[in-house]
Amino acid sequence: MREHDRPEHIGVLQQLVVELHQVVHVLGHRPARVGVPTDGGEVRGGLGFSPEEVTYSAGLTLSLPLDREIERLALRQSVIGVERSERSLSEFTDGVALSVRQAVRQIDLARFQLRLAEEQVRINEKRLEEQKLKEADVQPQQIVDTNNELLDAENARDQARTSLRIAILNYLVESGQLRVSPDGTFEALPGMGED
């Protein structure tokens, strides 16, 4: 067996060719060309060379889409950032909508409480008026108690008005419609009454 026909030399070159094909296939979609120069007159098993006379040289030209990979990663990062911003905006708008709805419910509750308090004042005023008409039959303590209950009802009515005004201000804050003049006073929106 001649020295250049040794199976380990042929096997190493064949393995190199196979590995280069695999690398080229993994890194790009372009067809690869790998060649080993041989002497056409001494061909054995596809290769014929003498290790003392052969100079090994290999060349590989790859066109790697590195710039495209960086661009692809940058685009993916940008898309993720946009989607994150969209989710944040959606959560923010949902939060604003929930807080405005809560403020509207507080206004409705404050209005209902004000109607109840006004009705309680009206009932106590009628009772006091009835006691004055029947002053001879009513004990003085009953009149004092009715006056105290009327005063408590008026205080509850005033508190209910204050709660309604606060609920309206909270709604204006939550909906972004609250306006304050440069001197620090409240600027009523068109259609808002003084009461």
C-alpha atoms as a PDB file:
ATOM      1  CA  MET A   1       0.000   0.000   0.000  1.00  0.00           C
ATOM      2  CA  ARG A   2       1.437   3.333  -1.003  1.00  0.00           C
ATOM      3  CA  GLU A   3       1.705   6.069   1.602  1.00  0.00           C
ATOM      4  CA  HIS A   4      -0.676   8.453  -0.164  1.00  0.00           C
ATOM      5  CA  ASP A   5      -3.310   5.778  -0.428  1.00  0.00           C
ATOM      6  CA  ARG A   6      -3.596   5.422   3.303  1.00  0.00           C
ATOM      7  CA  PRO A   7      -7.257   5.321   4.399  1.00  0.00           C
ATOM      8  CA  GLU A   8      -6.780   7.891   7.194  1.00  0.00           C
ATOM      9  CA  HIS A   9      -5.752  10.589   4.643  1.00  0.00           C
ATOM     10  CA  ILE A  10      -8.720   9.884   2.441  1.00  0.00           C
ATOM     11  CA  GLY A  11     -11.052   9.670   5.437  1.00  0.00           C
ATOM     12  CA  VAL A  12      -9.882  13.022   6.846  1.00  0.00           C
ATOM     13  CA  LEU A  13     -10.496  14.816   3.551  1.00  0.00           C
ATOM     14  CA  GLN A  14     -13.868  13.158   3.086  1.00  0.00           C
ATOM     15  CA  GLN A  15     -14.847  14.124   6.633  1.00  0.00           C
ATOM     16  CA  LEU A  16     -13.718  17.730   5.943  1.00  0.00           C
ATOM     17  CA  VAL A  17     -15.852  17.879   2.819  1.00  0.00           C
ATOM     18  CA  VAL A  18     -18.884  16.515   4.692  1.00  0.00           C
ATOM     19  CA  GLU A  19     -18.436  18.953   7.579  1.00  0.00           C
ATOM     20  CA  LEU A  20     -18.032  21.909   5.222  1.00  0.00           C
ATOM     21  CA  HIS A  21     -21.240  20.921   3.439  1.00  0.00           C
ATOM     22  CA  GLN A  22     -23.040  20.763   6.800  1.00  0.00           C
ATOM     23  CA  VAL A  23     -21.724  24.155   7.940  1.00  0.00           C
ATOM     24  CA  VAL A  24     -22.681  25.803   4.675  1.00  0.00           C
ATOM     25  CA  HIS A  25     -26.106  24.195   4.791  1.00  0.00           C
ATOM     26  CA  VAL A  26     -26.731  25.402   8.360  1.00  0.00           C
ATOM     27  CA  LEU A  27     -25.473  28.956   7.841  1.00  0.00           C
ATOM     28  CA  GLY A  28     -27.037  29.812   4.541  1.00  0.00           C
ATOM     29  CA  HIS A  29     -29.496  28.814   1.921  1.00  0.00           C
ATOM     30  CA  ARG A  30     -27.095  29.260  -1.020  1.00  0.00           C
ATOM     31  CA  PRO A  31     -25.622  26.155  -2.610  1.00  0.00           C
ATOM     32  CA  ALA A  32     -22.067  25.536  -1.499  1.00  0.00           C
ATOM     33  CA  ARG A  33     -19.151  24.350  -3.556  1.00  0.00           C
ATOM     34  CA  VAL A  34     -16.317  22.545  -1.899  1.00  0.00           C
ATOM     35  CA  GLY A  35     -13.497  21.084  -3.948  1.00  0.00           C
ATOM     36  CA  VAL A  36     -10.222  19.295  -3.336  1.00  0.00           C
ATOM     37  CA  PRO A  37      -7.669  19.619  -6.171  1.00  0.00           C
ATOM     38  CA  THR A  38      -6.490  16.221  -7.451  1.00  0.00           C
ATOM     39  CA  ASP A  39      -4.257  14.957 -10.170  1.00  0.00           C
ATOM     40  CA  GLY A  40      -6.402  13.370 -12.822  1.00  0.00           C
ATOM     41  CA  GLY A  41      -3.830  10.718 -13.673  1.00  0.00           C
ATOM     42  CA  GLU A  42      -3.605   9.200 -10.220  1.00  0.00           C
ATOM     43  CA  VAL A  43      -7.139   8.697  -9.126  1.00  0.00           C
ATOM     44  CA  ARG A  44      -7.930   6.135  -6.513  1.00  0.00           C
ATOM     45  CA  GLY A  45     -11.234   6.323  -4.639  1.00  0.00           C
ATOM     46  CA  GLY A  46     -11.783   9.814  -6.042  1.00  0.00           C
ATOM     47  CA  LEU A  47      -8.493  11.079  -4.692  1.00  0.00           C
ATOM     48  CA  GLY A  48      -4.938  10.548  -5.731  1.00  0.00           C
ATOM     49  CA  PHE A  49      -2.063  12.361  -4.089  1.00  0.00           C
ATOM     50  CA  SER A  50       1.196  11.886  -2.303  1.00  0.00           C
ATOM     51  CA  PRO A  51       1.436  13.486   1.140  1.00  0.00           C
ATOM     52  CA  GLU A  52       4.978  14.711   0.471  1.00  0.00           C
ATOM     53  CA  GLU A  53       4.020  16.399  -2.776  1.00  0.00           C
ATOM     54  CA  VAL A  54       0.624  17.791  -1.854  1.00  0.00           C
ATOM     55  CA  THR A  55       0.060  21.220  -0.430  1.00  0.00           C
ATOM     56  CA  TYR A  56      -3.215  21.427   1.394  1.00  0.00           C
ATOM     57  CA  SER A  57      -5.261  24.507   0.845  1.00  0.00           C
ATOM     58  CA  ALA A  58      -8.885  25.086   1.494  1.00  0.00           C
ATOM     59  CA  GLY A  59     -11.034  28.051   0.828  1.00  0.00           C
ATOM     60  CA  LEU A  60     -14.488  28.842   1.972  1.00  0.00           C
ATOM     61  CA  THR A  61     -16.606  31.759   0.944  1.00  0.00           C
ATOM     62  CA  LEU A  62     -19.743  32.243   2.969  1.00  0.00           C
ATOM     63  CA  SER A  63     -22.157  35.070   2.664  1.00  0.00           C
ATOM     64  CA  LEU A  64     -23.576  35.157   6.150  1.00  0.00           C
ATOM     65  CA  PRO A  65     -26.601  37.321   6.691  1.00  0.00           C
ATOM     66  CA  LEU A  66     -25.185  38.739   9.925  1.00  0.00           C
ATOM     67  CA  ASP A  67     -26.517  42.206   9.242  1.00  0.00           C
ATOM     68  CA  ARG A  68     -29.900  40.715   8.523  1.00  0.00           C
ATOM     69  CA  GLU A  69     -29.772  38.752  11.737  1.00  0.00           C
ATOM     70  CA  ILE A  70     -29.043  41.914  13.682  1.00  0.00           C
ATOM     71  CA  GLU A  71     -31.827  43.680  11.787  1.00  0.00           C
ATOM     72  CA  ARG A  72     -34.194  40.776  12.432  1.00  0.00           C
ATOM     73  CA  LEU A  73     -33.412  40.850  16.150  1.00  0.00           C
ATOM     74  CA  ALA A  74     -33.813  44.633  16.257  1.00  0.00           C
ATOM     75  CA  LEU A  75     -37.145  44.350  14.446  1.00  0.00           C
ATOM     76  CA  ARG A  76     -38.315  41.637  16.848  1.00  0.00           C
ATOM     77  CA  GLN A  77     -37.285  43.772  19.815  1.00  0.00           C
ATOM     78  CA  SER A  78     -39.156  46.737  18.340  1.00  0.00           C
ATOM     79  CA  VAL A  79     -42.277  44.640  17.743  1.00  0.00           C
ATOM     80  CA  ILE A  80     -42.132  43.377  21.329  1.00  0.00           C
ATOM     81  CA  GLY A  81     -41.762  46.980  22.546  1.00  0.00           C
ATOM     82  CA  VAL A  82     -44.761  48.099  20.472  1.00  0.00           C
ATOM     83  CA  GLU A  83     -46.881  45.219  21.765  1.00  0.00           C
ATOM     84  CA  ARG A  84     -45.827  46.026  25.333  1.00  0.00           C
ATOM     85  CA  SER A  85     -46.797  49.667  24.805  1.00  0.00           C
ATOM     86  CA  GLU A  86     -50.140  48.631  23.325  1.00  0.00           C
ATOM     87  CA  ARG A  87     -50.841  46.443  26.370  1.00  0.00           C
ATOM     88  CA  SER A  88     -49.853  49.272  28.700  1.00  0.00           C
ATOM     89  CA  LEU A  89     -52.135  51.675  26.841  1.00  0.00           C
ATOM     90  CA  SER A  90     -54.976  49.164  26.945  1.00  0.00           C
ATOM     91  CA  GLU A  91     -54.496  48.631  30.690  1.00  0.00           C
ATOM     92  CA  PHE A  92     -54.338  52.392  31.252  1.00  0.00           C
ATOM     93  CA  THR A  93     -57.537  53.068  29.279  1.00  0.00           C
ATOM     94  CA  ASP A  94     -59.281  50.203  31.078  1.00  0.00           C
ATOM     95  CA  GLY A  95     -58.142  51.657  34.418  1.00  0.00           C
ATOM     96  CA  VAL A  96     -59.402  55.123  33.479  1.00  0.00           C
ATOM     97  CA  ALA A  97     -62.731  53.703  32.329  1.00  0.00           C
ATOM     98  CA  LEU A  98     -63.113  51.763  35.590  1.00  0.00           C
ATOM     99  CA  SER A  99     -62.274  54.774  37.755  1.00  0.00           C
ATOM    100  CA  VAL A 100     -64.679  57.009  35.799  1.00  0.00           C
ATOM    101  CA  ARG A 101     -67.446  54.420  36.136  1.00  0.00           C
ATOM    102  CA  GLN A 102     -66.741  54.209  39.874  1.00  0.00           C
ATOM    103  CA  ALA A 103     -66.924  58.011  40.100  1.00  0.00           C
ATOM    104  CA  VAL A 104     -70.285  57.985  38.264  1.00  0.00           C
ATOM    105  CA  ARG A 105     -71.583  55.366  40.714  1.00  0.00           C
ATOM    106  CA  GLN A 106     -70.443  57.570  43.607  1.00  0.00           C
ATOM    107  CA  ILE A 107     -72.376  60.497  42.089  1.00  0.00           C
ATOM    108  CA  ASP A 108     -75.495  58.344  41.781  1.00  0.00           C
ATOM    109  CA  LEU A 109     -75.112  57.192  45.393  1.00  0.00           C
ATOM    110  CA  ALA A 110     -74.582  60.759  46.632  1.00  0.00           C
ATOM    111  CA  ARG A 111     -77.689  61.939  44.741  1.00  0.00           C
ATOM    112  CA  PHE A 112     -79.752  59.154  46.277  1.00  0.00           C
ATOM    113  CA  GLN A 113     -78.454  59.974  49.769  1.00  0.00           C
ATOM    114  CA  LEU A 114     -79.266  63.664  49.191  1.00  0.00           C
ATOM    115  CA  ARG A 115     -82.846  62.812  48.163  1.00  0.00           C
ATOM    116  CA  LEU A 116     -83.239  60.704  51.308  1.00  0.00           C
ATOM    117  CA  ALA A 117     -81.830  63.474  53.503  1.00  0.00           C
ATOM    118  CA  GLU A 118     -84.092  66.095  51.899  1.00  0.00           C
ATOM    119  CA  GLU A 119     -87.086  63.828  52.445  1.00  0.00           C
ATOM    120  CA  GLN A 120     -86.092  63.394  56.102  1.00  0.00           C
ATOM    121  CA  VAL A 121     -85.913  67.194  56.495  1.00  0.00           C
ATOM    122  CA  ARG A 122     -89.360  67.547  54.914  1.00  0.00           C
ATOM    123  CA  ILE A 123     -90.815  64.898  57.238  1.00  0.00           C
ATOM    124  CA  ASN A 124     -89.338  66.577  60.357  1.00  0.00           C
ATOM    125  CA  GLU A 125     -90.577  70.027  59.234  1.00  0.00           C
ATOM    126  CA  LYS A 126     -94.121  68.654  58.817  1.00  0.00           C
ATOM    127  CA  ARG A 127     -93.961  66.963  62.191  1.00  0.00           C
ATOM    128  CA  LEU A 128     -92.789  70.215  63.840  1.00  0.00           C
ATOM    129  CA  GLU A 129     -95.558  72.116  62.054  1.00  0.00           C
ATOM    130  CA  GLU A 130     -98.133  69.564  63.267  1.00  0.00           C
ATOM    131  CA  GLN A 131     -96.834  69.856  66.844  1.00  0.00           C
ATOM    132  CA  LYS A 132     -97.170  73.645  66.692  1.00  0.00           C
ATOM    133  CA  LEU A 133    -100.777  73.281  65.570  1.00  0.00           C
ATOM    134  CA  LYS A 134    -101.470  70.904  68.475  1.00  0.00           C
ATOM    135  CA  GLU A 135     -99.322  72.779  70.961  1.00  0.00           C
ATOM    136  CA  ALA A 136    -101.777  72.237  73.802  1.00  0.00           C
ATOM    137  CA  ASP A 137    -101.616  68.440  73.490  1.00  0.00           C
ATOM    138  CA  VAL A 138     -97.854  68.129  72.974  1.00  0.00           C
ATOM    139  CA  GLN A 139     -95.247  67.989  75.713  1.00  0.00           C
ATOM    140  CA  PRO A 140     -92.476  70.625  75.506  1.00  0.00           C
ATOM    141  CA  GLN A 141     -89.887  67.819  75.434  1.00  0.00           C
ATOM    142  CA  GLN A 142     -91.486  66.427  72.265  1.00  0.00           C
ATOM    143  CA  ILE A 143     -91.114  69.814  70.543  1.00  0.00           C
ATOM    144  CA  VAL A 144     -87.471  70.032  71.649  1.00  0.00           C
ATOM    145  CA  ASP A 145     -86.845  66.477  70.371  1.00  0.00           C
ATOM    146  CA  THR A 146     -88.493  67.293  67.032  1.00  0.00           C
ATOM    147  CA  ASN A 147     -86.351  70.446  66.698  1.00  0.00           C
ATOM    148  CA  ASN A 148     -83.234  68.394  67.422  1.00  0.00           C
ATOM    149  CA  GLU A 149     -84.260  65.763  64.859  1.00  0.00           C
ATOM    150  CA  LEU A 150     -84.937  68.519  62.315  1.00  0.00           C
ATOM    151  CA  LEU A 151     -81.504  70.003  62.985  1.00  0.00           C
ATOM    152  CA  ASP A 152     -79.886  66.549  62.594  1.00  0.00           C
ATOM    153  CA  ALA A 153     -81.796  66.008  59.335  1.00  0.00           C
ATOM    154  CA  GLU A 154     -80.660  69.407  58.019  1.00  0.00           C
ATOM    155  CA  ASN A 155     -77.060  68.588  58.964  1.00  0.00           C
ATOM    156  CA  ALA A 156     -77.352  65.207  57.178  1.00  0.00           C
ATOM    157  CA  ARG A 157     -78.799  66.991  54.124  1.00  0.00           C
ATOM    158  CA  ASP A 158     -75.898  69.455  54.087  1.00  0.00           C
ATOM    159  CA  GLN A 159     -73.437  66.570  54.443  1.00  0.00           C
ATOM    160  CA  ALA A 160     -75.157  64.783  51.546  1.00  0.00           C
ATOM    161  CA  ARG A 161     -74.808  67.944  49.394  1.00  0.00           C
ATOM    162  CA  THR A 162     -71.126  68.109  50.272  1.00  0.00           C
ATOM    163  CA  SER A 163     -70.692  64.416  49.408  1.00  0.00           C
ATOM    164  CA  LEU A 164     -72.412  65.017  46.061  1.00  0.00           C
ATOM    165  CA  ARG A 165     -70.125  67.948  45.264  1.00  0.00           C
ATOM    166  CA  ILE A 166     -67.063  65.902  46.224  1.00  0.00           C
ATOM    167  CA  ALA A 167     -68.287  63.011  44.055  1.00  0.00           C
ATOM    168  CA  ILE A 168     -68.714  65.387  41.108  1.00  0.00           C
ATOM    169  CA  LEU A 169     -65.219  66.810  41.653  1.00  0.00           C
ATOM    170  CA  ASN A 170     -63.796  63.275  41.832  1.00  0.00           C
ATOM    171  CA  TYR A 171     -65.536  62.479  38.553  1.00  0.00           C
ATOM    172  CA  LEU A 172     -64.029  65.574  36.944  1.00  0.00           C
ATOM    173  CA  VAL A 173     -60.570  64.600  38.205  1.00  0.00           C
ATOM    174  CA  GLU A 174     -60.892  60.973  37.031  1.00  0.00           C
ATOM    175  CA  SER A 175     -62.201  61.977  33.599  1.00  0.00           C
ATOM    176  CA  GLY A 176     -59.593  64.732  33.194  1.00  0.00           C
ATOM    177  CA  GLN A 177     -62.145  67.542  32.969  1.00  0.00           C
ATOM    178  CA  LEU A 178     -61.362  69.440  36.169  1.00  0.00           C
ATOM    179  CA  ARG A 179     -60.349  73.024  35.412  1.00  0.00           C
ATOM    180  CA  VAL A 180     -58.865  75.454  37.899  1.00  0.00           C
ATOM    181  CA  SER A 181     -58.360  79.151  37.190  1.00  0.00           C
ATOM    182  CA  PRO A 182     -54.968  80.821  37.774  1.00  0.00           C
ATOM    183  CA  ASP A 183     -56.218  82.249  41.077  1.00  0.00           C
ATOM    184  CA  GLY A 184     -57.004  78.711  42.307  1.00  0.00           C
ATOM    185  CA  THR A 185     -60.799  78.768  42.003  1.00  0.00           C
ATOM    186  CA  PHE A 186     -62.866  76.086  40.342  1.00  0.00           C
ATOM    187  CA  GLU A 187     -63.925  76.788  36.761  1.00  0.00           C
ATOM    188  CA  ALA A 188     -67.331  75.263  36.144  1.00  0.00           C
ATOM    189  CA  LEU A 189     -67.816  73.456  32.870  1.00  0.00           C
ATOM    190  CA  PRO A 190     -70.526  74.665  30.494  1.00  0.00           C
ATOM    191  CA  GLY A 191     -73.876  73.400  31.733  1.00  0.00           C
ATOM    192  CA  MET A 192     -72.806  73.094  35.370  1.00  0.00           C
ATOM    193  CA  GLY A 193     -75.000  75.081  37.716  1.00  0.00           C
ATOM    194  CA  GLU A 194     -73.816  76.827  40.842  1.00  0.00           C
ATOM    195  CA  ASP A 195     -75.647  74.325  43.065  1.00  0.00           C
END
